[in-house]
């Protein structure tokens, strides 16, 4: 089906608890009870929230409460029905956002035309299981290679640790293959190229579902394409307009000798941003580069990382020069409007 969908995202700390259980479990259980189409739980590598306390897996003293991200997608009316429960669970624990998306699954993954009204570039997110294999390796690895061959601007694979597919919970287990646990492939690029690649991509995942969203590509592999489109500070109801900056980059990329993802994290925290989360992927590419991943015995880390930062339009404008400077030679930077955000921390 191809329908008007929505994406519900909660940013929080992995050790946050509700009712004697971890918030992460409560959220996934809530989505399963609501029968939501698809959800994933991602563990972050670095981040900070409303209290601006840094958490990172690179320092033992700061690694006790790493960030987590819970994402659910479904028809808009079903997501809006599940929203109050998610807000109640996340109250006092983080940030909740609601974003628009086109939802695709089943036969519509096999015949996709670029949707009108979203602009020349698209963000395509694929959700599915990991069971499919092709050409002697995991299907999702081939999916990223296919996106690179199709000349997408960039893509990153993120492996979830919990989630649901078509309403059924699929949780990772220790020392298991976890082939049924969902993953995400986030890609951006020219709308025609992205949609033309989708039918073959869908065959590389188990039980896939996809979303299409509006996106603005600001920088790619050192090329300055545009600045984030300015939006009014408040909407017609007087609520602040929020925006999301996402940076795709390899973990070992540096600027003046400092890892870029660390410099962005510290710079935006010092700038008073509402929050930022770093997610470590397993394979990715951007800006015409060949797909890359960590290699055993390699000194320089090449794992892709995805930095997600959300704040008001005013903060985006104020700190864009910092982001632009740090990504002048490396990385892919995108901007998206976040129509609805609730600070729950």
Foldseek 3Di string as FASTA:
>chain_A
DKAKKKKKKWKFWQQPDDPPGTLVVVVQVLCLVLQFAKKFKAWFAWKDALVLQIAHPVDPVRPPIGMMMMMTMHHHVSCVVSVVVNLVSCFQTGKMFMGIWIKDFDPCLQDDDQDPPQDFKKKKKKKFFFPADDPHGTLVVVLQQLLLVLVFQKKFKGFGQWMDHSSHIQHHDPPDPSRGGMIMMITMHGRRSVSVSRNVSVVRGHNMMMIMHRKAWQDWQLDGDHAPDFDDQADPVRHGWKKKKKKKFFQQDFDPPHGLVVQVRVVVSVVSFRMKTKGWGAWMDGRSDRIDGADPPDPGGGTIIMMMGMHGSVSSVVCVVVVCNSPNRTIIMMMDIGGDMDTND
